[in-house]
Protein backbone atom coordinates (compact mmCIF):
# COMPACT_ATOMS: atom_id res chain seq x y z
CA MET A 1 -12.42 65.97 -1.49
CA GLU A 2 -14.88 64.47 -3.75
CA LYS A 3 -14.30 60.97 -5.17
CA ASN A 4 -13.45 60.87 -8.82
CA LYS A 5 -16.32 59.13 -10.72
CA ASP A 6 -14.86 57.12 -13.56
CA VAL A 7 -16.64 58.23 -16.71
CA ARG A 8 -14.47 56.03 -18.96
CA GLY A 9 -14.76 52.59 -17.37
CA LYS A 10 -13.27 49.30 -18.34
CA VAL A 11 -15.56 46.75 -19.95
CA ILE A 12 -15.06 43.15 -20.91
CA LEU A 13 -16.21 41.92 -24.30
CA GLN A 14 -16.89 38.19 -24.76
CA CYS A 15 -17.52 36.19 -27.96
CA THR A 16 -21.27 35.58 -28.22
CA ASN A 17 -20.81 32.73 -30.79
CA CYS A 18 -18.63 30.63 -28.40
CA VAL A 19 -20.99 31.18 -25.49
CA GLN A 20 -23.95 29.96 -27.53
CA ASN A 21 -22.17 26.86 -28.78
CA GLY A 22 -20.79 26.00 -25.31
CA LEU A 23 -17.36 24.86 -24.35
CA LYS A 24 -15.90 21.53 -25.45
CA LYS A 25 -13.37 19.47 -23.50
CA GLY A 26 -9.81 20.45 -24.36
CA SER A 27 -10.82 23.80 -25.77
CA ILE A 28 -8.75 26.93 -25.42
CA GLY A 29 -11.55 28.91 -23.72
CA ILE A 30 -13.78 31.78 -24.59
CA SER A 31 -12.39 34.82 -26.49
CA ARG A 32 -12.39 37.97 -24.35
CA TYR A 33 -11.27 41.52 -25.00
CA ILE A 34 -10.80 44.38 -22.50
CA THR A 35 -11.66 47.90 -23.71
CA GLN A 36 -13.01 51.27 -22.44
CA LYS A 37 -16.24 53.06 -23.12
CA ASN A 38 -17.71 56.41 -22.11
CA ARG A 39 -20.67 55.60 -19.81
CA HIS A 40 -22.43 58.97 -20.40
CA ASN A 41 -22.41 58.64 -24.23
CA THR A 42 -23.16 54.88 -24.42
CA PRO A 43 -25.23 53.76 -21.47
CA ASN A 44 -26.38 50.50 -23.24
CA ARG A 45 -24.27 47.40 -23.57
CA LEU A 46 -21.49 47.59 -26.10
CA GLU A 47 -21.25 45.15 -29.03
CA LEU A 48 -18.24 45.14 -31.41
CA LYS A 49 -17.10 42.85 -34.13
CA LYS A 50 -13.76 41.32 -33.13
CA PHE A 51 -11.65 38.35 -34.20
CA CYS A 52 -12.20 35.20 -32.12
CA PRO A 53 -9.16 32.90 -32.20
CA ARG A 54 -11.34 29.95 -31.16
CA CYS A 55 -13.86 30.35 -34.03
CA TYR A 56 -11.13 31.57 -36.43
CA LYS A 57 -13.36 34.36 -37.78
CA HIS A 58 -14.75 37.80 -36.92
CA THR A 59 -17.75 37.52 -34.58
CA ILE A 60 -19.82 39.84 -32.41
CA HIS A 61 -18.37 40.32 -28.94
CA GLY A 62 -20.83 41.63 -26.34
CA GLU A 63 -20.22 43.39 -23.02
CA ILE A 64 -20.49 41.21 -19.86
CA LYS A 65 -20.64 41.96 -16.21
CA LYS A 66 -17.41 41.94 -14.21
């Protein structure tokens, strides 16, 4: 049988604002979300506006490698 190629794969979105500013000592970490995307329809990296609990505002979260 042929292996099932996963068209809708899991992607991890990470806050771009927290990454640019760097982590401080005693911080809660970087905001990350897990979602899915259709790899045939959107081959480029995904960017969504999500709430970051560390920044306390809505920021752009970009796709990162696993």
